[in-house]
PDB file of N, CA and C in Angstrom:
ATOM      1  N   MET A   1    -103.617 -80.921 -77.821  1.00  0.00           N
ATOM      2  CA  MET A   1    -103.625 -80.573 -76.357  1.00  0.00           C
ATOM      3  C   MET A   1    -102.689 -81.793 -75.819  1.00  0.00           C
ATOM      4  N   THR A   2    -101.617 -81.212 -75.421  1.00  0.00           N
ATOM      5  CA  THR A   2    -100.384 -82.144 -74.642  1.00  0.00           C
ATOM      6  C   THR A   2    -100.602 -81.658 -72.759  1.00  0.00           C
ATOM      7  N   VAL A   3    -101.671 -82.444 -72.562  1.00  0.00           N
ATOM      8  CA  VAL A   3    -102.018 -81.942 -71.210  1.00  0.00           C
ATOM      9  C   VAL A   3    -100.615 -82.665 -70.243  1.00  0.00           C
ATOM     10  N   GLN A   4     -99.764 -82.025 -69.862  1.00  0.00           N
ATOM     11  CA  GLN A   4     -98.711 -82.821 -68.525  1.00  0.00           C
ATOM     12  C   GLN A   4     -98.573 -82.072 -67.312  1.00  0.00           C
ATOM     13  N   TYR A   5     -97.775 -83.385 -66.626  1.00  0.00           N
ATOM     14  CA  TYR A   5     -97.779 -82.768 -64.937  1.00  0.00           C
ATOM     15  C   TYR A   5     -96.451 -81.941 -64.548  1.00  0.00           C
ATOM     16  N   ILE A   6     -96.580 -80.978 -64.273  1.00  0.00           N
ATOM     17  CA  ILE A   6     -94.809 -80.743 -64.134  1.00  0.00           C
ATOM     18  C   ILE A   6     -95.248 -80.245 -62.750  1.00  0.00           C
ATOM     19  N   ARG A   7     -93.959 -80.999 -62.126  1.00  0.00           N
ATOM     20  CA  ARG A   7     -93.556 -80.941 -61.000  1.00  0.00           C
ATOM     21  C   ARG A   7     -92.454 -79.654 -60.466  1.00  0.00           C
ATOM     22  N   CYS A   8     -92.476 -78.282 -59.632  1.00  0.00           N
ATOM     23  CA  CYS A   8     -91.818 -77.609 -60.052  1.00  0.00           C
ATOM     24  C   CYS A   8     -90.604 -77.544 -58.246  1.00  0.00           C
ATOM     25  N   LEU A   9     -89.174 -76.806 -58.390  1.00  0.00           N
ATOM     26  CA  LEU A   9     -88.723 -77.141 -57.572  1.00  0.00           C
ATOM     27  C   LEU A   9     -89.701 -76.354 -56.391  1.00  0.00           C
ATOM     28  N   SER A  10     -90.567 -75.456 -56.766  1.00  0.00           N
ATOM     29  CA  SER A  10     -91.119 -74.782 -55.645  1.00  0.00           C
ATOM     30  C   SER A  10     -92.268 -75.441 -54.587  1.00  0.00           C
ATOM     31  N   GLY A  11     -92.332 -76.985 -55.427  1.00  0.00           N
ATOM     32  CA  GLY A  11     -93.343 -78.050 -54.255  1.00  0.00           C
ATOM     33  C   GLY A  11     -94.446 -77.822 -55.267  1.00  0.00           C
ATOM     34  N   GLU A  12     -94.819 -77.154 -56.659  1.00  0.00           N
ATOM     35  CA  GLU A  12     -95.732 -76.524 -57.018  1.00  0.00           C
ATOM     36  C   GLU A  12     -96.394 -77.640 -57.754  1.00  0.00           C
ATOM     37  N   ASN A  13     -97.614 -78.205 -58.315  1.00  0.00           N
ATOM     38  CA  ASN A  13     -97.842 -79.552 -58.801  1.00  0.00           C
ATOM     39  C   ASN A  13     -98.611 -78.628 -60.116  1.00  0.00           C
ATOM     40  N   VAL A  14     -98.413 -78.554 -60.845  1.00  0.00           N
ATOM     41  CA  VAL A  14     -98.700 -77.917 -62.244  1.00  0.00           C
ATOM     42  C   VAL A  14     -99.348 -78.778 -63.372  1.00  0.00           C
ATOM     43  N   ILE A  15    -100.567 -78.261 -63.826  1.00  0.00           N
ATOM     44  CA  ILE A  15    -101.212 -79.214 -64.716  1.00  0.00           C
ATOM     45  C   ILE A  15    -101.584 -78.227 -66.146  1.00  0.00           C
ATOM     46  N   ALA A  16    -100.672 -78.174 -67.129  1.00  0.00           N
ATOM     47  CA  ALA A  16    -100.869 -77.572 -68.168  1.00  0.00           C
ATOM     48  C   ALA A  16    -100.414 -78.119 -69.434  1.00  0.00           C
ATOM     49  N   ASP A  17    -101.216 -77.282 -70.937  1.00  0.00           N
ATOM     50  CA  ASP A  17    -101.152 -77.888 -71.672  1.00  0.00           C
ATOM     51  C   ASP A  17     -99.560 -77.077 -72.452  1.00  0.00           C
ATOM     52  N   VAL A  18     -98.464 -78.093 -73.261  1.00  0.00           N
ATOM     53  CA  VAL A  18     -96.953 -78.009 -72.830  1.00  0.00           C
ATOM     54  C   VAL A  18     -97.255 -77.360 -74.980  1.00  0.00           C
ATOM     55  N   VAL A  19     -97.035 -76.120 -75.194  1.00  0.00           N
ATOM     56  CA  VAL A  19     -97.129 -76.069 -76.131  1.00  0.00           C
ATOM     57  C   VAL A  19     -96.052 -75.421 -76.682  1.00  0.00           C
ATOM     58  N   GLU A  20     -94.632 -75.667 -76.348  1.00  0.00           N
ATOM     59  CA  GLU A  20     -93.527 -74.949 -76.935  1.00  0.00           C
ATOM     60  C   GLU A  20     -92.373 -75.560 -75.641  1.00  0.00           C
ATOM     61  N   GLU A  21     -91.160 -76.685 -76.224  1.00  0.00           N
ATOM     62  CA  GLU A  21     -90.118 -76.640 -75.567  1.00  0.00           C
ATOM     63  C   GLU A  21     -88.699 -76.340 -76.463  1.00  0.00           C
ATOM     64  N   SER A  22     -88.137 -75.301 -75.417  1.00  0.00           N
ATOM     65  CA  SER A  22     -87.106 -75.597 -76.183  1.00  0.00           C
ATOM     66  C   SER A  22     -85.918 -75.867 -75.521  1.00  0.00           C
ATOM     67  N   ALA A  23     -84.387 -75.849 -75.469  1.00  0.00           N
ATOM     68  CA  ALA A  23     -83.929 -76.604 -74.790  1.00  0.00           C
ATOM     69  C   ALA A  23     -83.783 -75.821 -73.429  1.00  0.00           C
ATOM     70  N   ASP A  24     -83.675 -74.428 -72.866  1.00  0.00           N
ATOM     71  CA  ASP A  24     -83.914 -73.511 -71.863  1.00  0.00           C
ATOM     72  C   ASP A  24     -85.523 -73.777 -71.605  1.00  0.00           C
ATOM     73  N   THR A  25     -86.709 -73.880 -72.064  1.00  0.00           N
ATOM     74  CA  THR A  25     -87.650 -73.103 -71.808  1.00  0.00           C
ATOM     75  C   THR A  25     -88.447 -74.128 -71.555  1.00  0.00           C
ATOM     76  N   LEU A  26     -89.883 -73.861 -71.144  1.00  0.00           N
ATOM     77  CA  LEU A  26     -91.237 -74.568 -71.604  1.00  0.00           C
ATOM     78  C   LEU A  26     -92.265 -73.258 -71.439  1.00  0.00           C
ATOM     79  N   THR A  27     -93.263 -73.290 -73.124  1.00  0.00           N
ATOM     80  CA  THR A  27     -93.889 -72.716 -72.942  1.00  0.00           C
ATOM     81  C   THR A  27     -95.428 -72.873 -72.402  1.00  0.00           C
ATOM     82  N   LEU A  28     -95.871 -72.657 -71.419  1.00  0.00           N
ATOM     83  CA  LEU A  28     -97.761 -73.325 -70.924  1.00  0.00           C
ATOM     84  C   LEU A  28     -98.481 -72.289 -70.938  1.00  0.00           C
ATOM     85  N   ARG A  29     -99.605 -73.492 -71.054  1.00  0.00           N
ATOM     86  CA  ARG A  29    -101.137 -72.616 -71.817  1.00  0.00           C
ATOM     87  C   ARG A  29    -101.726 -73.099 -70.784  1.00  0.00           C
ATOM     88  N   ASN A  30    -102.460 -72.292 -70.319  1.00  0.00           N
ATOM     89  CA  ASN A  30    -103.691 -72.389 -69.174  1.00  0.00           C
ATOM     90  C   ASN A  30    -103.399 -73.243 -67.902  1.00  0.00           C
ATOM     91  N   ALA A  31    -101.859 -73.108 -67.387  1.00  0.00           N
ATOM     92  CA  ALA A  31    -101.420 -73.221 -66.358  1.00  0.00           C
ATOM     93  C   ALA A  31    -102.235 -73.661 -65.118  1.00  0.00           C
ATOM     94  N   ILE A  32    -102.536 -74.714 -64.237  1.00  0.00           N
ATOM     95  CA  ILE A  32    -103.332 -74.545 -63.339  1.00  0.00           C
ATOM     96  C   ILE A  32    -102.563 -75.065 -62.036  1.00  0.00           C
ATOM     97  N   ILE A  33    -102.472 -74.990 -60.706  1.00  0.00           N
ATOM     98  CA  ILE A  33    -102.109 -76.298 -59.734  1.00  0.00           C
ATOM     99  C   ILE A  33    -103.043 -76.956 -59.152  1.00  0.00           C
ATOM    100  N   SER A  34    -102.721 -77.902 -58.222  1.00  0.00           N
ATOM    101  CA  SER A  34    -103.568 -78.533 -57.434  1.00  0.00           C
ATOM    102  C   SER A  34    -103.279 -77.849 -56.226  1.00  0.00           C
ATOM    103  N   GLN A  35    -104.239 -78.784 -55.430  1.00  0.00           N
ATOM    104  CA  GLN A  35    -104.599 -78.052 -53.874  1.00  0.00           C
ATOM    105  C   GLN A  35    -105.375 -79.094 -53.503  1.00  0.00           C
ATOM    106  N   MET A  36    -105.173 -79.580 -52.663  1.00  0.00           N
ATOM    107  CA  MET A  36    -105.564 -80.549 -51.062  1.00  0.00           C
ATOM    108  C   MET A  36    -106.759 -79.810 -50.515  1.00  0.00           C
ATOM    109  N   MET A  37    -108.252 -80.033 -51.170  1.00  0.00           N
ATOM    110  CA  MET A  37    -109.253 -79.481 -50.579  1.00  0.00           C
ATOM    111  C   MET A  37    -109.870 -79.787 -49.107  1.00  0.00           C
ATOM    112  N   ASN A  38    -109.181 -81.450 -49.153  1.00  0.00           N
ATOM    113  CA  ASN A  38    -109.836 -81.921 -47.932  1.00  0.00           C
ATOM    114  C   ASN A  38    -108.559 -83.343 -47.784  1.00  0.00           C
ATOM    115  N   GLU A  39    -108.552 -84.403 -47.190  1.00  0.00           N
ATOM    116  CA  GLU A  39    -107.766 -85.276 -47.498  1.00  0.00           C
ATOM    117  C   GLU A  39    -108.394 -86.415 -48.945  1.00  0.00           C
ATOM    118  N   GLN A  40    -109.800 -86.730 -49.231  1.00  0.00           N
ATOM    119  CA  GLN A  40    -110.096 -86.854 -50.668  1.00  0.00           C
ATOM    120  C   GLN A  40    -110.098 -86.196 -51.627  1.00  0.00           C
ATOM    121  N   GLN A  41    -109.972 -84.886 -51.952  1.00  0.00           N
ATOM    122  CA  GLN A  41    -110.661 -84.317 -53.128  1.00  0.00           C
ATOM    123  C   GLN A  41    -109.900 -82.927 -53.246  1.00  0.00           C
ATOM    124  N   LEU A  42    -109.194 -83.055 -54.486  1.00  0.00           N
ATOM    125  CA  LEU A  42    -108.253 -82.164 -55.230  1.00  0.00           C
ATOM    126  C   LEU A  42    -109.077 -81.180 -55.768  1.00  0.00           C
ATOM    127  N   GLY A  43    -108.435 -79.833 -55.756  1.00  0.00           N
ATOM    128  CA  GLY A  43    -108.863 -78.410 -55.939  1.00  0.00           C
ATOM    129  C   GLY A  43    -108.202 -78.513 -57.388  1.00  0.00           C
ATOM    130  N   PHE A  44    -108.493 -77.112 -58.432  1.00  0.00           N
ATOM    131  CA  PHE A  44    -107.249 -76.751 -59.218  1.00  0.00           C
ATOM    132  C   PHE A  44    -107.749 -74.905 -58.916  1.00  0.00           C
ATOM    133  N   SER A  45    -106.714 -74.312 -58.985  1.00  0.00           N
ATOM    134  CA  SER A  45    -107.175 -72.783 -59.171  1.00  0.00           C
ATOM    135  C   SER A  45    -105.714 -72.262 -60.506  1.00  0.00           C
ATOM    136  N   PRO A  46    -105.941 -71.482 -61.187  1.00  0.00           N
ATOM    137  CA  PRO A  46    -104.733 -70.722 -62.031  1.00  0.00           C
ATOM    138  C   PRO A  46    -103.098 -70.442 -61.387  1.00  0.00           C
ATOM    139  N   TRP A  47    -102.078 -70.906 -61.837  1.00  0.00           N
ATOM    140  CA  TRP A  47    -100.948 -71.210 -61.415  1.00  0.00           C
ATOM    141  C   TRP A  47    -100.358 -69.392 -61.638  1.00  0.00           C
ATOM    142  N   ALA A  48    -101.187 -68.493 -62.299  1.00  0.00           N
ATOM    143  CA  ALA A  48    -100.483 -67.171 -62.328  1.00  0.00           C
ATOM    144  C   ALA A  48    -101.410 -67.034 -62.045  1.00  0.00           C
ATOM    145  N   PRO A  49    -102.189 -66.473 -60.922  1.00  0.00           N
ATOM    146  CA  PRO A  49    -103.777 -65.034 -60.687  1.00  0.00           C
ATOM    147  C   PRO A  49    -103.656 -64.063 -61.052  1.00  0.00           C
ATOM    148  N   LEU A  50    -102.671 -63.738 -61.096  1.00  0.00           N
ATOM    149  CA  LEU A  50    -102.160 -61.931 -61.566  1.00  0.00           C
ATOM    150  C   LEU A  50    -102.039 -61.656 -62.765  1.00  0.00           C
ATOM    151  N   GLN A  51    -101.580 -62.755 -63.723  1.00  0.00           N
ATOM    152  CA  GLN A  51    -101.733 -62.605 -65.106  1.00  0.00           C
ATOM    153  C   GLN A  51    -102.966 -62.107 -65.689  1.00  0.00           C
ATOM    154  N   ASP A  52    -102.654 -61.438 -66.543  1.00  0.00           N
ATOM    155  CA  ASP A  52    -103.459 -60.458 -68.037  1.00  0.00           C
ATOM    156  C   ASP A  52    -104.446 -61.803 -68.347  1.00  0.00           C
ATOM    157  N   PRO A  53    -105.324 -61.728 -67.924  1.00  0.00           N
ATOM    158  CA  PRO A  53    -106.669 -62.485 -68.081  1.00  0.00           C
ATOM    159  C   PRO A  53    -106.669 -62.873 -69.584  1.00  0.00           C
ATOM    160  N   ASP A  54    -106.506 -62.238 -70.653  1.00  0.00           N
ATOM    161  CA  ASP A  54    -106.209 -62.022 -71.815  1.00  0.00           C
ATOM    162  C   ASP A  54    -105.142 -63.001 -72.266  1.00  0.00           C
ATOM    163  N   VAL A  55    -104.184 -63.033 -71.614  1.00  0.00           N
ATOM    164  CA  VAL A  55    -102.632 -63.959 -71.749  1.00  0.00           C
ATOM    165  C   VAL A  55    -103.021 -65.111 -70.831  1.00  0.00           C
ATOM    166  N   ASN A  56    -102.655 -66.359 -72.042  1.00  0.00           N
ATOM    167  CA  ASN A  56    -103.141 -67.564 -71.830  1.00  0.00           C
ATOM    168  C   ASN A  56    -101.954 -68.526 -71.683  1.00  0.00           C
ATOM    169  N   GLU A  57    -100.775 -67.963 -72.058  1.00  0.00           N
ATOM    170  CA  GLU A  57     -99.707 -68.522 -72.282  1.00  0.00           C
ATOM    171  C   GLU A  57     -98.504 -68.052 -71.237  1.00  0.00           C
ATOM    172  N   ILE A  58     -97.430 -69.100 -70.746  1.00  0.00           N
ATOM    173  CA  ILE A  58     -96.533 -68.329 -69.853  1.00  0.00           C
ATOM    174  C   ILE A  58     -95.072 -69.624 -70.072  1.00  0.00           C
ATOM    175  N   THR A  59     -94.516 -68.338 -70.319  1.00  0.00           N
ATOM    176  CA  THR A  59     -92.427 -69.159 -70.626  1.00  0.00           C
ATOM    177  C   THR A  59     -91.799 -69.502 -69.005  1.00  0.00           C
ATOM    178  N   ILE A  60     -91.522 -70.565 -68.989  1.00  0.00           N
ATOM    179  CA  ILE A  60     -90.801 -70.385 -67.665  1.00  0.00           C
ATOM    180  C   ILE A  60     -89.951 -71.315 -68.187  1.00  0.00           C
ATOM    181  N   PRO A  61     -88.402 -70.988 -67.385  1.00  0.00           N
ATOM    182  CA  PRO A  61     -87.222 -71.707 -67.214  1.00  0.00           C
ATOM    183  C   PRO A  61     -87.229 -73.684 -67.184  1.00  0.00           C
ATOM    184  N   LYS A  62     -86.191 -73.896 -67.619  1.00  0.00           N
ATOM    185  CA  LYS A  62     -86.770 -75.694 -67.128  1.00  0.00           C
ATOM    186  C   LYS A  62     -85.705 -75.860 -65.903  1.00  0.00           C
ATOM    187  N   SER A  63     -85.010 -74.955 -65.373  1.00  0.00           N
ATOM    188  CA  SER A  63     -83.853 -75.045 -64.208  1.00  0.00           C
ATOM    189  C   SER A  63     -85.099 -74.955 -63.331  1.00  0.00           C
ATOM    190  N   VAL A  64     -86.094 -74.631 -63.307  1.00  0.00           N
ATOM    191  CA  VAL A  64     -87.170 -74.315 -61.997  1.00  0.00           C
ATOM    192  C   VAL A  64     -87.995 -75.547 -61.904  1.00  0.00           C
ATOM    193  N   VAL A  65     -87.807 -76.943 -62.929  1.00  0.00           N
ATOM    194  CA  VAL A  65     -88.584 -77.615 -63.237  1.00  0.00           C
ATOM    195  C   VAL A  65     -87.914 -79.266 -62.435  1.00  0.00           C
ATOM    196  N   ILE A  66     -88.867 -79.747 -62.065  1.00  0.00           N
ATOM    197  CA  ILE A  66     -87.990 -81.188 -61.064  1.00  0.00           C
ATOM    198  C   ILE A  66     -88.560 -82.611 -61.959  1.00  0.00           C
ATOM    199  N   PHE A  67     -89.553 -82.153 -62.493  1.00  0.00           N
ATOM    200  CA  PHE A  67     -90.122 -83.324 -63.598  1.00  0.00           C
ATOM    201  C   PHE A  67     -91.330 -83.161 -64.171  1.00  0.00           C
ATOM    202  N   ILE A  68     -91.001 -83.386 -65.333  1.00  0.00           N
ATOM    203  CA  ILE A  68     -92.275 -83.530 -66.261  1.00  0.00           C
ATOM    204  C   ILE A  68     -93.076 -85.114 -66.706  1.00  0.00           C
ATOM    205  N   THR A  69     -94.123 -85.247 -66.533  1.00  0.00           N
ATOM    206  CA  THR A  69     -95.040 -86.450 -67.054  1.00  0.00           C
ATOM    207  C   THR A  69     -96.297 -86.406 -67.577  1.00  0.00           C
ATOM    208  N   ASP A  70     -96.567 -86.961 -68.200  1.00  0.00           N
ATOM    209  CA  ASP A  70     -97.965 -87.490 -68.021  1.00  0.00           C
ATOM    210  C   ASP A  70     -99.178 -87.028 -66.679  1.00  0.00           C
ATOM    211  N   ALA A  71     -99.819 -86.586 -66.910  1.00  0.00           N
ATOM    212  CA  ALA A  71    -100.415 -86.421 -65.600  1.00  0.00           C
ATOM    213  C   ALA A  71    -102.109 -87.557 -66.085  1.00  0.00           C
ATOM    214  N   ALA A  72    -102.375 -87.623 -64.892  1.00  0.00           N
ATOM    215  CA  ALA A  72    -103.469 -89.215 -64.619  1.00  0.00           C
ATOM    216  C   ALA A  72    -104.365 -88.957 -65.511  1.00  0.00           C
ATOM    217  N   PRO A  73    -105.207 -90.125 -66.108  1.00  0.00           N
ATOM    218  CA  PRO A  73    -105.997 -89.969 -67.059  1.00  0.00           C
ATOM    219  C   PRO A  73    -107.350 -88.950 -66.563  1.00  0.00           C
ATOM    220  N   GLN A  74    -107.445 -89.041 -65.419  1.00  0.00           N
ATOM    221  CA  GLN A  74    -108.905 -88.236 -64.963  1.00  0.00           C
ATOM    222  C   GLN A  74    -108.751 -86.597 -64.681  1.00  0.00           C
ATOM    223  N   ILE A  75    -107.587 -86.735 -64.642  1.00  0.00           N
ATOM    224  CA  ILE A  75    -106.747 -85.448 -64.281  1.00  0.00           C
ATOM    225  C   ILE A  75    -107.007 -84.498 -65.828  1.00  0.00           C
ATOM    226  N   VAL A  76    -106.511 -84.845 -66.708  1.00  0.00           N
ATOM    227  CA  VAL A  76    -106.336 -84.878 -67.875  1.00  0.00           C
ATOM    228  C   VAL A  76    -107.385 -84.531 -68.624  1.00  0.00           C
ATOM    229  N   GLU A  77    -109.005 -85.407 -67.965  1.00  0.00           N
ATOM    230  CA  GLU A  77    -110.360 -85.590 -68.568  1.00  0.00           C
ATOM    231  C   GLU A  77    -110.809 -83.959 -67.974  1.00  0.00           C
ATOM    232  N   GLN A  78    -110.544 -83.472 -66.512  1.00  0.00           N
ATOM    233  CA  GLN A  78    -110.974 -82.869 -65.908  1.00  0.00           C
ATOM    234  C   GLN A  78    -110.489 -81.561 -65.991  1.00  0.00           C
ATOM    235  N   TYR A  79    -109.195 -81.621 -66.925  1.00  0.00           N
ATOM    236  CA  TYR A  79    -108.514 -80.279 -67.307  1.00  0.00           C
ATOM    237  C   TYR A  79    -109.093 -80.157 -68.493  1.00  0.00           C
ATOM    238  N   GLN A  80    -109.659 -80.892 -69.333  1.00  0.00           N
ATOM    239  CA  GLN A  80    -109.816 -80.714 -70.961  1.00  0.00           C
ATOM    240  C   GLN A  80    -111.580 -80.213 -70.631  1.00  0.00           C
ATOM    241  N   GLN A  81    -112.318 -80.603 -69.657  1.00  0.00           N
ATOM    242  CA  GLN A  81    -113.761 -79.842 -69.629  1.00  0.00           C
ATOM    243  C   GLN A  81    -113.688 -78.917 -69.278  1.00  0.00           C
ATOM    244  N   MET A  82    -112.246 -78.121 -68.231  1.00  0.00           N
ATOM    245  CA  MET A  82    -112.561 -76.867 -67.811  1.00  0.00           C
ATOM    246  C   MET A  82    -112.272 -75.938 -69.381  1.00  0.00           C
ATOM    247  N   PHE A  83    -111.046 -76.245 -70.216  1.00  0.00           N
ATOM    248  CA  PHE A  83    -110.285 -75.135 -71.158  1.00  0.00           C
ATOM    249  C   PHE A  83    -110.773 -75.551 -72.604  1.00  0.00           C
ATOM    250  N   SER A  84    -111.207 -76.809 -72.651  1.00  0.00           N
ATOM    251  CA  SER A  84    -111.751 -77.279 -74.060  1.00  0.00           C
ATOM    252  C   SER A  84    -113.098 -76.745 -74.469  1.00  0.00           C
ATOM    253  N   THR A  85    -113.329 -76.539 -75.338  1.00  0.00           N
ATOM    254  CA  THR A  85    -114.816 -75.711 -76.200  1.00  0.00           C
ATOM    255  C   THR A  85    -115.543 -77.422 -76.686  1.00  0.00           C
ATOM    256  N   ILE A  86    -115.190 -78.459 -76.895  1.00  0.00           N
ATOM    257  CA  ILE A  86    -115.538 -79.265 -77.252  1.00  0.00           C
ATOM    258  C   ILE A  86    -115.098 -80.281 -76.193  1.00  0.00           C
ATOM    259  N   ILE A  87    -116.395 -81.283 -75.494  1.00  0.00           N
ATOM    260  CA  ILE A  87    -115.940 -82.053 -74.712  1.00  0.00           C
ATOM    261  C   ILE A  87    -116.548 -83.366 -76.082  1.00  0.00           C
ATOM    262  N   SER A  88    -115.678 -84.379 -75.262  1.00  0.00           N
ATOM    263  CA  SER A  88    -115.642 -85.509 -75.860  1.00  0.00           C
ATOM    264  C   SER A  88    -115.412 -86.708 -74.667  1.00  0.00           C
ATOM    265  N   PRO A  89    -116.949 -87.806 -75.054  1.00  0.00           N
ATOM    266  CA  PRO A  89    -116.875 -88.765 -73.600  1.00  0.00           C
ATOM    267  C   PRO A  89    -115.107 -89.753 -73.798  1.00  0.00           C
ATOM    268  N   THR A  90    -114.718 -89.734 -72.951  1.00  0.00           N
ATOM    269  CA  THR A  90    -113.678 -90.739 -72.973  1.00  0.00           C
ATOM    270  C   THR A  90    -114.010 -92.582 -72.457  1.00  0.00           C
ATOM    271  N   LYS A  91    -115.218 -92.176 -71.899  1.00  0.00           N
ATOM    272  CA  LYS A  91    -115.263 -93.903 -71.571  1.00  0.00           C
ATOM    273  C   LYS A  91    -116.323 -94.523 -72.743  1.00  0.00           C
ATOM    274  N   ASN A  92    -116.060 -95.574 -73.373  1.00  0.00           N
ATOM    275  CA  ASN A  92    -117.183 -96.080 -73.751  1.00  0.00           C
ATOM    276  C   ASN A  92    -118.408 -96.299 -73.026  1.00  0.00           C
ATOM    277  N   LEU A  93    -119.347 -96.268 -73.654  1.00  0.00           N
ATOM    278  CA  LEU A  93    -120.920 -96.177 -73.430  1.00  0.00           C
ATOM    279  C   LEU A  93    -121.074 -97.458 -73.914  1.00  0.00           C
ATOM    280  N   ILE A  94    -122.105 -98.056 -72.744  1.00  0.00           N
ATOM    281  CA  ILE A  94    -123.275 -99.162 -73.354  1.00  0.00           C
ATOM    282  C   ILE A  94    -124.404 -98.720 -73.804  1.00  0.00           C
ATOM    283  N   LEU A  95    -124.713 -99.600 -74.933  1.00  0.00           N
ATOM    284  CA  LEU A  95    -125.674 -99.156 -75.758  1.00  0.00           C
ATOM    285  C   LEU A  95    -126.812-100.632 -75.473  1.00  0.00           C
TER     286      LEU A  95
END
């Protein structure tokens, strides 16, 4: 899973698993957008809420992308909890 933060020309902050990249397009799986819930909390919702729920990938042109970078570790962890079937701890446990 390659979870990336994608900033679009439209201003949307997209978090998604980038499954394929070509010269002109990106194919994203389980794309979500962040929304400010209040001054201290982020919420997430599907990027394409009207997309067929059985289809979890979307291909977009790179021309709508401002940048792609690694997402913050806590965002990646939350994303993985939302979409992974197996959840592994990311923090070391003290025994």
